[in-house]
N, C-alpha and C. Protein backbone atom coordinates (compact mmCIF):
# COMPACT_ATOMS: atom_id res chain seq x y z
N MET A 1 -88.62 -51.54 46.07
CA MET A 1 -87.87 -50.92 47.18
C MET A 1 -87.19 -49.67 46.64
N PHE A 2 -86.84 -48.75 47.51
CA PHE A 2 -86.27 -47.48 47.12
C PHE A 2 -84.78 -47.52 47.12
N GLU A 3 -84.21 -46.55 46.31
CA GLU A 3 -82.77 -46.41 46.32
C GLU A 3 -82.26 -45.82 47.64
N ASP A 4 -80.98 -45.86 47.86
CA ASP A 4 -80.48 -45.28 49.09
C ASP A 4 -80.63 -43.75 48.96
N PRO A 5 -80.75 -43.07 50.11
CA PRO A 5 -81.01 -41.62 50.13
C PRO A 5 -79.95 -40.81 49.37
N ILE A 6 -78.68 -41.15 49.48
CA ILE A 6 -77.67 -40.40 48.79
C ILE A 6 -77.80 -40.46 47.34
N SER A 7 -78.07 -41.66 46.79
CA SER A 7 -78.31 -41.79 45.34
C SER A 7 -79.53 -40.98 44.91
N LYS A 8 -80.58 -41.04 45.68
CA LYS A 8 -81.79 -40.28 45.40
C LYS A 8 -81.49 -38.81 45.40
N SER A 9 -80.76 -38.33 46.42
CA SER A 9 -80.38 -36.93 46.51
C SER A 9 -79.56 -36.49 45.28
N LEU A 10 -78.61 -37.27 44.90
CA LEU A 10 -77.79 -36.94 43.71
C LEU A 10 -78.61 -36.90 42.47
N GLU A 11 -79.53 -37.87 42.33
CA GLU A 11 -80.40 -37.91 41.16
C GLU A 11 -81.23 -36.64 41.06
N TRP A 12 -81.81 -36.22 42.22
CA TRP A 12 -82.63 -35.03 42.21
C TRP A 12 -81.81 -33.77 41.98
N SER A 13 -80.52 -33.77 42.44
CA SER A 13 -79.65 -32.63 42.19
C SER A 13 -79.40 -32.48 40.68
N ARG A 14 -79.26 -33.61 39.99
CA ARG A 14 -78.99 -33.61 38.57
C ARG A 14 -80.29 -33.29 37.76
N LYS A 15 -81.39 -33.79 38.14
CA LYS A 15 -82.61 -33.68 37.37
C LYS A 15 -83.56 -32.58 37.84
N GLY A 16 -83.19 -31.84 38.85
CA GLY A 16 -84.12 -30.89 39.45
C GLY A 16 -84.75 -31.46 40.69
N TYR A 17 -85.54 -30.69 41.33
CA TYR A 17 -86.06 -31.08 42.63
C TYR A 17 -87.54 -31.45 42.64
N MET A 18 -88.08 -31.77 41.47
CA MET A 18 -89.53 -32.06 41.43
C MET A 18 -89.90 -33.23 42.34
N GLY A 19 -89.14 -34.30 42.34
CA GLY A 19 -89.48 -35.46 43.17
C GLY A 19 -89.50 -35.10 44.63
N MET A 20 -88.49 -34.38 45.10
CA MET A 20 -88.43 -33.97 46.47
C MET A 20 -89.59 -32.99 46.82
N ALA A 21 -89.85 -32.06 45.92
CA ALA A 21 -90.95 -31.11 46.13
C ALA A 21 -92.27 -31.83 46.24
N LEU A 22 -92.48 -32.83 45.40
CA LEU A 22 -93.76 -33.59 45.45
C LEU A 22 -93.87 -34.34 46.77
N LEU A 23 -92.81 -34.98 47.16
CA LEU A 23 -92.82 -35.68 48.43
C LEU A 23 -93.08 -34.77 49.64
N LEU A 24 -92.44 -33.60 49.59
CA LEU A 24 -92.69 -32.62 50.66
C LEU A 24 -94.16 -32.22 50.74
N MET A 25 -94.73 -31.97 49.61
CA MET A 25 -96.12 -31.52 49.63
C MET A 25 -97.08 -32.63 49.99
N ILE A 26 -96.86 -33.83 49.49
CA ILE A 26 -97.72 -34.99 49.80
C ILE A 26 -97.51 -35.41 51.24
N ASN A 27 -96.33 -35.14 51.76
CA ASN A 27 -96.11 -35.46 53.19
C ASN A 27 -97.00 -34.62 54.10
N GLU A 28 -97.25 -33.41 53.68
CA GLU A 28 -98.13 -32.53 54.48
C GLU A 28 -99.60 -32.99 54.50
N LYS A 29 -100.09 -33.41 53.32
CA LYS A 29 -101.45 -33.90 53.22
C LYS A 29 -101.61 -34.58 51.88
N PRO A 30 -102.55 -35.52 51.79
CA PRO A 30 -102.83 -36.18 50.48
C PRO A 30 -103.31 -35.13 49.46
N LEU A 31 -102.81 -35.24 48.23
CA LEU A 31 -103.12 -34.27 47.18
C LEU A 31 -103.33 -34.98 45.82
N THR A 32 -104.06 -34.34 44.96
CA THR A 32 -104.17 -34.77 43.59
C THR A 32 -103.03 -34.08 42.81
N GLY A 33 -102.79 -34.53 41.57
CA GLY A 33 -101.76 -33.90 40.75
C GLY A 33 -102.10 -32.42 40.49
N TYR A 34 -103.40 -32.15 40.28
CA TYR A 34 -103.83 -30.79 40.06
C TYR A 34 -103.58 -29.94 41.29
N ASP A 35 -103.95 -30.49 42.47
CA ASP A 35 -103.71 -29.76 43.73
C ASP A 35 -102.24 -29.46 43.91
N ILE A 36 -101.40 -30.40 43.54
CA ILE A 36 -99.94 -30.18 43.64
C ILE A 36 -99.51 -29.00 42.78
N MET A 37 -99.92 -28.96 41.52
CA MET A 37 -99.55 -27.90 40.62
C MET A 37 -100.05 -26.56 41.14
N ARG A 38 -101.31 -26.51 41.58
CA ARG A 38 -101.88 -25.26 42.02
C ARG A 38 -101.16 -24.79 43.33
N THR A 39 -100.97 -25.70 44.25
CA THR A 39 -100.31 -25.33 45.52
C THR A 39 -98.89 -24.89 45.32
N MET A 40 -98.16 -25.56 44.44
CA MET A 40 -96.75 -25.20 44.22
C MET A 40 -96.69 -23.79 43.58
N CYS A 41 -97.58 -23.50 42.67
CA CYS A 41 -97.63 -22.19 42.05
C CYS A 41 -97.93 -21.12 43.11
N GLU A 42 -98.92 -21.37 43.91
CA GLU A 42 -99.30 -20.43 44.95
C GLU A 42 -98.19 -20.26 46.00
N THR A 43 -97.63 -21.36 46.42
CA THR A 43 -96.60 -21.30 47.49
C THR A 43 -95.37 -20.54 47.01
N THR A 44 -94.98 -20.68 45.73
CA THR A 44 -93.82 -20.01 45.18
C THR A 44 -94.17 -18.66 44.59
N GLN A 45 -95.39 -18.20 44.80
CA GLN A 45 -95.89 -16.95 44.24
C GLN A 45 -95.67 -16.86 42.73
N GLY A 46 -95.94 -17.97 42.11
CA GLY A 46 -95.87 -18.02 40.63
C GLY A 46 -94.46 -18.27 40.08
N PHE A 47 -93.47 -18.35 40.94
CA PHE A 47 -92.09 -18.58 40.49
C PHE A 47 -91.95 -19.94 39.83
N TRP A 48 -92.59 -20.94 40.41
CA TRP A 48 -92.54 -22.31 39.90
C TRP A 48 -93.93 -22.68 39.50
N ARG A 49 -94.15 -22.86 38.18
CA ARG A 49 -95.40 -23.24 37.64
C ARG A 49 -95.32 -24.60 36.98
N PRO A 50 -95.43 -25.66 37.76
CA PRO A 50 -95.26 -26.98 37.16
C PRO A 50 -96.40 -27.31 36.21
N THR A 51 -96.13 -28.09 35.20
CA THR A 51 -97.11 -28.46 34.21
C THR A 51 -97.48 -29.96 34.43
N PRO A 52 -98.60 -30.38 33.85
CA PRO A 52 -98.96 -31.82 33.96
C PRO A 52 -97.81 -32.70 33.46
N GLY A 53 -97.16 -32.29 32.39
CA GLY A 53 -96.05 -33.05 31.81
C GLY A 53 -94.85 -33.15 32.76
N GLY A 54 -94.73 -32.25 33.68
CA GLY A 54 -93.64 -32.25 34.65
C GLY A 54 -94.02 -32.96 35.94
N VAL A 55 -95.33 -32.96 36.28
CA VAL A 55 -95.72 -33.52 37.58
C VAL A 55 -96.14 -34.98 37.46
N TYR A 56 -96.96 -35.32 36.49
CA TYR A 56 -97.50 -36.68 36.49
C TYR A 56 -96.49 -37.79 36.23
N PRO A 57 -95.51 -37.57 35.34
CA PRO A 57 -94.45 -38.61 35.17
C PRO A 57 -93.69 -38.85 36.48
N VAL A 58 -93.45 -37.74 37.24
CA VAL A 58 -92.69 -37.92 38.50
C VAL A 58 -93.56 -38.62 39.53
N LEU A 59 -94.88 -38.30 39.58
CA LEU A 59 -95.77 -39.00 40.49
C LEU A 59 -95.82 -40.48 40.16
N LYS A 60 -95.86 -40.79 38.82
CA LYS A 60 -95.93 -42.16 38.42
C LYS A 60 -94.63 -42.90 38.85
N LYS A 61 -93.48 -42.24 38.71
CA LYS A 61 -92.20 -42.85 39.15
C LYS A 61 -92.18 -43.03 40.67
N LEU A 62 -92.60 -42.02 41.41
CA LEU A 62 -92.65 -42.12 42.84
C LEU A 62 -93.57 -43.29 43.31
N GLU A 63 -94.65 -43.45 42.58
CA GLU A 63 -95.59 -44.51 42.88
C GLU A 63 -94.98 -45.87 42.59
N SER A 64 -94.28 -46.00 41.41
CA SER A 64 -93.66 -47.26 41.06
C SER A 64 -92.53 -47.62 42.01
N GLU A 65 -91.89 -46.62 42.59
CA GLU A 65 -90.80 -46.88 43.57
C GLU A 65 -91.35 -47.14 44.97
N GLY A 66 -92.69 -47.03 45.16
CA GLY A 66 -93.28 -47.27 46.45
C GLY A 66 -93.13 -46.12 47.43
N LEU A 67 -92.87 -44.94 46.93
CA LEU A 67 -92.68 -43.77 47.81
C LEU A 67 -93.98 -43.02 48.02
N VAL A 68 -94.93 -43.14 47.09
CA VAL A 68 -96.28 -42.60 47.24
C VAL A 68 -97.25 -43.67 46.81
N ARG A 69 -98.49 -43.50 47.25
CA ARG A 69 -99.59 -44.43 46.86
C ARG A 69 -100.69 -43.58 46.28
N GLY A 70 -101.15 -43.96 45.10
CA GLY A 70 -102.27 -43.25 44.49
C GLY A 70 -103.51 -44.08 44.53
N GLU A 71 -104.64 -43.45 44.98
CA GLU A 71 -105.92 -44.12 45.04
C GLU A 71 -106.98 -43.30 44.31
N TRP A 72 -107.72 -43.97 43.43
CA TRP A 72 -108.77 -43.30 42.73
C TRP A 72 -109.98 -43.14 43.64
N GLN A 73 -110.53 -41.94 43.65
CA GLN A 73 -111.71 -41.63 44.41
C GLN A 73 -112.71 -40.84 43.60
N ALA A 74 -113.99 -41.03 43.87
CA ALA A 74 -115.02 -40.30 43.16
C ALA A 74 -115.13 -38.93 43.79
N TYR A 75 -115.27 -37.88 42.93
CA TYR A 75 -115.41 -36.54 43.43
C TYR A 75 -116.26 -35.77 42.45
N LYS A 76 -117.46 -35.34 42.90
CA LYS A 76 -118.41 -34.57 42.06
C LYS A 76 -118.62 -35.30 40.71
N GLY A 77 -118.89 -36.57 40.77
CA GLY A 77 -119.17 -37.32 39.56
C GLY A 77 -118.00 -37.68 38.73
N ARG A 78 -116.78 -37.35 39.15
CA ARG A 78 -115.59 -37.66 38.37
C ARG A 78 -114.63 -38.44 39.26
N LYS A 79 -113.70 -39.13 38.63
CA LYS A 79 -112.69 -39.84 39.41
C LYS A 79 -111.42 -39.03 39.38
N ARG A 80 -110.78 -39.02 40.54
CA ARG A 80 -109.48 -38.34 40.62
C ARG A 80 -108.58 -39.19 41.50
N LYS A 81 -107.30 -39.09 41.23
CA LYS A 81 -106.32 -39.89 41.99
C LYS A 81 -105.70 -39.02 43.11
N ILE A 82 -105.81 -39.52 44.30
CA ILE A 82 -105.25 -38.88 45.48
C ILE A 82 -103.98 -39.58 45.87
N TYR A 83 -102.92 -38.80 46.06
CA TYR A 83 -101.62 -39.37 46.38
C TYR A 83 -101.30 -39.14 47.88
N THR A 84 -100.82 -40.22 48.51
CA THR A 84 -100.36 -40.12 49.90
C THR A 84 -98.97 -40.67 49.94
N ILE A 85 -98.21 -40.18 50.91
CA ILE A 85 -96.85 -40.64 51.05
C ILE A 85 -96.83 -41.98 51.83
N THR A 86 -95.91 -42.84 51.50
CA THR A 86 -95.78 -44.12 52.17
C THR A 86 -94.71 -43.99 53.26
N GLU A 87 -94.61 -45.00 54.09
CA GLU A 87 -93.55 -44.96 55.12
C GLU A 87 -92.15 -44.92 54.46
N ASP A 88 -91.98 -45.69 53.36
CA ASP A 88 -90.70 -45.60 52.62
C ASP A 88 -90.47 -44.18 52.09
N GLY A 89 -91.52 -43.58 51.56
CA GLY A 89 -91.39 -42.22 51.06
C GLY A 89 -91.04 -41.25 52.16
N ARG A 90 -91.59 -41.39 53.31
CA ARG A 90 -91.25 -40.53 54.46
C ARG A 90 -89.83 -40.71 54.86
N LYS A 91 -89.35 -41.95 54.88
CA LYS A 91 -87.92 -42.21 55.26
C LYS A 91 -87.01 -41.58 54.25
N ILE A 92 -87.28 -41.81 52.93
CA ILE A 92 -86.44 -41.22 51.90
C ILE A 92 -86.44 -39.68 52.05
N LEU A 93 -87.60 -39.12 52.25
CA LEU A 93 -87.69 -37.66 52.36
C LEU A 93 -86.87 -37.15 53.53
N GLU A 94 -86.92 -37.80 54.64
CA GLU A 94 -86.15 -37.39 55.81
C GLU A 94 -84.68 -37.43 55.52
N HIS A 95 -84.19 -38.52 54.91
CA HIS A 95 -82.77 -38.65 54.56
C HIS A 95 -82.36 -37.58 53.54
N VAL A 96 -83.17 -37.44 52.52
CA VAL A 96 -82.82 -36.46 51.45
C VAL A 96 -82.78 -35.04 52.03
N LEU A 97 -83.72 -34.72 52.87
CA LEU A 97 -83.73 -33.35 53.48
C LEU A 97 -82.50 -33.16 54.34
N LEU A 98 -82.10 -34.17 55.06
CA LEU A 98 -80.91 -34.09 55.88
C LEU A 98 -79.68 -33.80 54.95
N LYS A 99 -79.61 -34.57 53.89
CA LYS A 99 -78.49 -34.43 52.95
C LYS A 99 -78.48 -33.08 52.28
N GLN A 100 -79.71 -32.60 51.87
CA GLN A 100 -79.84 -31.29 51.24
C GLN A 100 -79.44 -30.16 52.21
N SER A 101 -79.78 -30.37 53.45
CA SER A 101 -79.44 -29.39 54.50
C SER A 101 -77.90 -29.31 54.63
N GLU A 102 -77.23 -30.47 54.64
CA GLU A 102 -75.77 -30.45 54.71
C GLU A 102 -75.15 -29.79 53.47
N ILE A 103 -75.73 -30.05 52.31
CA ILE A 103 -75.25 -29.42 51.09
C ILE A 103 -75.42 -27.90 51.20
N ALA A 104 -76.60 -27.46 51.65
CA ALA A 104 -76.86 -26.03 51.78
C ALA A 104 -75.95 -25.37 52.75
N MET A 105 -75.63 -26.06 53.88
CA MET A 105 -74.69 -25.46 54.84
C MET A 105 -73.27 -25.37 54.23
N SER A 106 -72.89 -26.37 53.41
CA SER A 106 -71.58 -26.30 52.76
C SER A 106 -71.51 -25.11 51.79
N ILE A 107 -72.62 -24.92 51.06
CA ILE A 107 -72.68 -23.78 50.09
C ILE A 107 -72.64 -22.50 50.89
N ASN A 108 -73.32 -22.41 52.04
CA ASN A 108 -73.26 -21.22 52.84
C ASN A 108 -71.85 -20.93 53.30
N ARG A 109 -71.08 -21.94 53.60
CA ARG A 109 -69.66 -21.75 54.01
C ARG A 109 -68.90 -21.15 52.85
N ILE A 110 -69.16 -21.60 51.65
CA ILE A 110 -68.51 -21.01 50.45
C ILE A 110 -68.90 -19.58 50.29
N PHE A 111 -70.18 -19.24 50.45
CA PHE A 111 -70.66 -17.86 50.33
C PHE A 111 -69.98 -17.03 51.42
N GLU A 112 -69.89 -17.53 52.66
CA GLU A 112 -69.27 -16.79 53.73
C GLU A 112 -67.81 -16.50 53.45
N SER A 113 -67.11 -17.49 52.88
CA SER A 113 -65.73 -17.33 52.51
C SER A 113 -65.59 -16.26 51.41
N PHE A 114 -66.47 -16.34 50.44
CA PHE A 114 -66.49 -15.37 49.37
C PHE A 114 -66.68 -13.95 49.91
N LEU A 115 -67.67 -13.77 50.80
CA LEU A 115 -67.96 -12.50 51.35
C LEU A 115 -66.79 -11.93 52.17
N LYS A 116 -66.14 -12.85 52.90
CA LYS A 116 -64.95 -12.44 53.66
C LYS A 116 -63.84 -11.98 52.75
N ASP A 117 -63.57 -12.76 51.71
CA ASP A 117 -62.49 -12.43 50.80
C ASP A 117 -62.75 -11.22 49.95
N ILE A 118 -63.93 -11.16 49.31
CA ILE A 118 -64.22 -10.12 48.35
C ILE A 118 -64.62 -8.82 49.02
N PHE A 119 -65.46 -8.87 50.01
CA PHE A 119 -65.98 -7.62 50.61
C PHE A 119 -65.38 -7.32 51.97
N ASP A 120 -64.35 -8.13 52.37
CA ASP A 120 -63.65 -7.90 53.63
C ASP A 120 -64.60 -7.86 54.86
N PHE A 121 -65.61 -8.77 54.80
CA PHE A 121 -66.52 -8.90 55.93
C PHE A 121 -65.93 -9.89 56.91
N ASN A 122 -65.87 -9.54 58.20
CA ASN A 122 -65.37 -10.46 59.19
C ASN A 122 -66.43 -11.48 59.57
N SER A 123 -67.67 -11.06 59.55
CA SER A 123 -68.73 -11.98 59.97
C SER A 123 -69.91 -11.82 59.05
N PRO A 124 -69.89 -12.43 57.88
CA PRO A 124 -70.98 -12.28 56.94
C PRO A 124 -72.29 -12.82 57.47
N GLN A 125 -73.37 -12.30 57.04
CA GLN A 125 -74.71 -12.65 57.53
C GLN A 125 -75.39 -13.61 56.55
N VAL A 126 -74.81 -14.73 56.28
CA VAL A 126 -75.47 -15.73 55.42
C VAL A 126 -76.19 -16.68 56.37
N ALA A 127 -77.51 -16.72 56.24
CA ALA A 127 -78.32 -17.51 57.12
C ALA A 127 -78.23 -19.00 56.77
N PRO A 128 -78.06 -19.87 57.77
CA PRO A 128 -78.07 -21.30 57.51
C PRO A 128 -79.47 -21.73 57.12
N PRO A 129 -79.59 -22.85 56.40
CA PRO A 129 -80.93 -23.31 55.98
C PRO A 129 -81.76 -23.64 57.21
N CYS A 130 -83.06 -23.43 57.08
CA CYS A 130 -83.96 -23.66 58.22
C CYS A 130 -84.86 -24.84 57.87
N LEU A 131 -84.44 -26.02 58.20
CA LEU A 131 -85.23 -27.22 57.92
C LEU A 131 -85.54 -27.90 59.22
N PHE A 132 -85.57 -27.18 60.31
CA PHE A 132 -85.78 -27.83 61.61
C PHE A 132 -87.10 -28.58 61.68
N SER A 133 -88.18 -28.09 61.04
CA SER A 133 -89.46 -28.74 61.10
C SER A 133 -89.36 -30.08 60.39
N ALA A 134 -88.53 -30.18 59.42
CA ALA A 134 -88.39 -31.48 58.70
C ALA A 134 -87.75 -32.55 59.54
N PHE A 135 -87.07 -32.12 60.63
CA PHE A 135 -86.37 -33.07 61.47
C PHE A 135 -87.30 -33.68 62.53
N MET A 136 -88.49 -33.14 62.65
CA MET A 136 -89.38 -33.60 63.71
C MET A 136 -90.36 -34.61 63.14
N PRO A 137 -90.30 -35.85 63.60
CA PRO A 137 -91.19 -36.88 63.09
C PRO A 137 -92.62 -36.66 63.54
N ASP A 138 -93.59 -37.02 62.71
CA ASP A 138 -95.00 -36.96 63.12
C ASP A 138 -95.38 -38.16 63.96
N THR A 139 -95.23 -39.34 63.36
CA THR A 139 -95.56 -40.58 64.06
C THR A 139 -94.63 -41.67 63.52
N GLY A 140 -94.73 -42.81 64.13
CA GLY A 140 -93.96 -43.96 63.64
C GLY A 140 -93.54 -44.88 64.72
N VAL A 141 -93.01 -46.01 64.30
CA VAL A 141 -92.51 -47.00 65.27
C VAL A 141 -91.19 -46.56 65.81
N VAL A 142 -91.02 -46.56 67.13
CA VAL A 142 -89.83 -46.04 67.74
C VAL A 142 -88.59 -46.80 67.27
N ASP A 143 -88.67 -48.15 67.15
CA ASP A 143 -87.52 -48.91 66.72
C ASP A 143 -87.04 -48.49 65.31
N ASP A 144 -87.96 -48.16 64.45
CA ASP A 144 -87.64 -47.71 63.08
C ASP A 144 -87.06 -46.29 63.09
N GLU A 145 -87.35 -45.50 64.08
CA GLU A 145 -86.96 -44.11 64.06
C GLU A 145 -85.63 -43.86 64.80
N ILE A 146 -85.13 -44.79 65.53
CA ILE A 146 -83.95 -44.52 66.37
C ILE A 146 -82.76 -44.10 65.50
N GLU A 147 -82.50 -44.82 64.44
CA GLU A 147 -81.32 -44.45 63.56
C GLU A 147 -81.58 -43.11 62.90
N ASP A 148 -82.83 -42.85 62.41
CA ASP A 148 -83.15 -41.56 61.80
C ASP A 148 -82.97 -40.46 62.80
N LEU A 149 -83.42 -40.67 64.05
CA LEU A 149 -83.27 -39.61 65.08
C LEU A 149 -81.84 -39.33 65.41
N LYS A 150 -81.01 -40.40 65.44
CA LYS A 150 -79.59 -40.19 65.69
C LYS A 150 -78.95 -39.33 64.57
N GLU A 151 -79.30 -39.64 63.32
CA GLU A 151 -78.78 -38.82 62.22
C GLU A 151 -79.24 -37.39 62.24
N LYS A 152 -80.51 -37.19 62.59
CA LYS A 152 -81.05 -35.84 62.74
C LYS A 152 -80.36 -35.09 63.86
N ARG A 153 -80.11 -35.78 64.98
CA ARG A 153 -79.45 -35.16 66.11
C ARG A 153 -78.04 -34.71 65.68
N GLU A 154 -77.30 -35.56 64.94
CA GLU A 154 -75.97 -35.17 64.52
C GLU A 154 -76.03 -33.95 63.58
N ALA A 155 -77.00 -33.92 62.67
CA ALA A 155 -77.14 -32.77 61.79
C ALA A 155 -77.42 -31.53 62.59
N LEU A 156 -78.32 -31.61 63.55
CA LEU A 156 -78.58 -30.46 64.40
C LEU A 156 -77.37 -30.00 65.22
N LEU A 157 -76.58 -30.96 65.69
CA LEU A 157 -75.37 -30.58 66.42
C LEU A 157 -74.38 -29.84 65.49
N ARG A 158 -74.29 -30.29 64.22
CA ARG A 158 -73.46 -29.58 63.27
C ARG A 158 -73.94 -28.17 63.04
N MET A 159 -75.31 -28.02 62.90
CA MET A 159 -75.89 -26.68 62.74
C MET A 159 -75.61 -25.86 63.97
N ILE A 160 -75.75 -26.39 65.17
CA ILE A 160 -75.48 -25.62 66.37
C ILE A 160 -74.06 -25.17 66.41
N GLY A 161 -73.10 -26.02 65.97
CA GLY A 161 -71.68 -25.64 65.89
C GLY A 161 -71.47 -24.45 64.98
N ILE A 162 -72.13 -24.47 63.80
CA ILE A 162 -72.04 -23.36 62.88
C ILE A 162 -72.59 -22.08 63.49
N LEU A 163 -73.76 -22.22 64.14
CA LEU A 163 -74.38 -21.04 64.75
C LEU A 163 -73.51 -20.50 65.89
N LYS A 164 -72.87 -21.36 66.68
CA LYS A 164 -71.99 -20.93 67.74
C LYS A 164 -70.80 -20.19 67.19
N GLN A 165 -70.25 -20.68 66.06
CA GLN A 165 -69.13 -20.01 65.45
C GLN A 165 -69.52 -18.61 64.95
N CYS A 166 -70.72 -18.53 64.35
CA CYS A 166 -71.22 -17.22 63.87
C CYS A 166 -71.40 -16.31 65.07
N LEU A 167 -71.93 -16.80 66.15
CA LEU A 167 -72.20 -15.98 67.34
C LEU A 167 -70.86 -15.49 67.91
N ALA A 168 -69.88 -16.35 67.98
CA ALA A 168 -68.56 -15.95 68.49
C ALA A 168 -67.94 -14.85 67.60
N GLU A 169 -68.08 -14.94 66.29
CA GLU A 169 -67.57 -13.93 65.40
C GLU A 169 -68.28 -12.62 65.60
N ILE A 170 -69.57 -12.67 65.81
CA ILE A 170 -70.38 -11.45 66.06
C ILE A 170 -69.99 -10.87 67.37
N ASP A 171 -69.78 -11.68 68.40
CA ASP A 171 -69.38 -11.16 69.72
C ASP A 171 -68.01 -10.47 69.59
N ASP A 172 -67.08 -11.07 68.84
CA ASP A 172 -65.77 -10.47 68.65
C ASP A 172 -65.91 -9.13 67.92
N ARG A 173 -66.67 -9.09 66.90
CA ARG A 173 -66.85 -7.85 66.13
C ARG A 173 -67.58 -6.76 66.97
N LEU A 174 -68.51 -7.19 67.77
CA LEU A 174 -69.21 -6.27 68.65
C LEU A 174 -68.29 -5.67 69.68
N ALA A 175 -67.50 -6.53 70.30
CA ALA A 175 -66.50 -6.04 71.31
C ALA A 175 -65.54 -5.06 70.65
N GLU A 176 -65.07 -5.38 69.44
CA GLU A 176 -64.11 -4.49 68.74
C GLU A 176 -64.81 -3.17 68.41
N ALA A 177 -66.05 -3.19 67.96
CA ALA A 177 -66.76 -1.95 67.65
C ALA A 177 -67.02 -1.11 68.88
N GLU A 178 -67.31 -1.76 70.02
CA GLU A 178 -67.53 -1.03 71.25
C GLU A 178 -66.21 -0.39 71.77
N ARG A 179 -65.11 -1.08 71.57
CA ARG A 179 -63.77 -0.50 71.98
C ARG A 179 -63.49 0.70 71.11
N GLU A 180 -63.75 0.60 69.83
CA GLU A 180 -63.51 1.74 68.92
C GLU A 180 -64.42 2.91 69.25
N ALA A 181 -65.64 2.61 69.67
CA ALA A 181 -66.59 3.67 69.98
C ALA A 181 -66.20 4.43 71.25
N THR A 182 -65.42 3.84 72.10
CA THR A 182 -65.04 4.52 73.36
C THR A 182 -63.83 5.40 73.20
N PHE A 183 -63.12 5.30 72.06
CA PHE A 183 -61.97 6.17 71.81
C PHE A 183 -62.30 7.52 71.22
């Protein structure tokens, strides 16, 4: 069985984000370890170049925790292991993404405060994280998703509140600028 999402999120914060990145990629489609390394390198435009020594131990750990399932398949006369995400893996990923989104929003508030204090900006343009697609489930049993959907709804309501606050600050600044322009 898997750890609770908060513990998993804190573990990934301490050790890096390889586990979460692998779950994200495998959630999109089943992949081999090699496919993961290649896709991650391409997706990050070479910024993140994972090695077999960084990917396979994490895949093995995710598999032992029941978050992914690896199946050997024949391909062009060779065997390769294809990894798919499990239902437990999908649940952990959803919870961890929600927690990471909350952390990112908190960091954005710190950046906004910094910009206001240091650069005397009234309404800094720090964009909130965009993880909305992660909040939308693909499939699943409704009874199992109710609690997850409630948590996602609350996170979205918090994001909406932040966006409304930013919009109000922009409206105030716009009105002030328009008043100054008429003098």
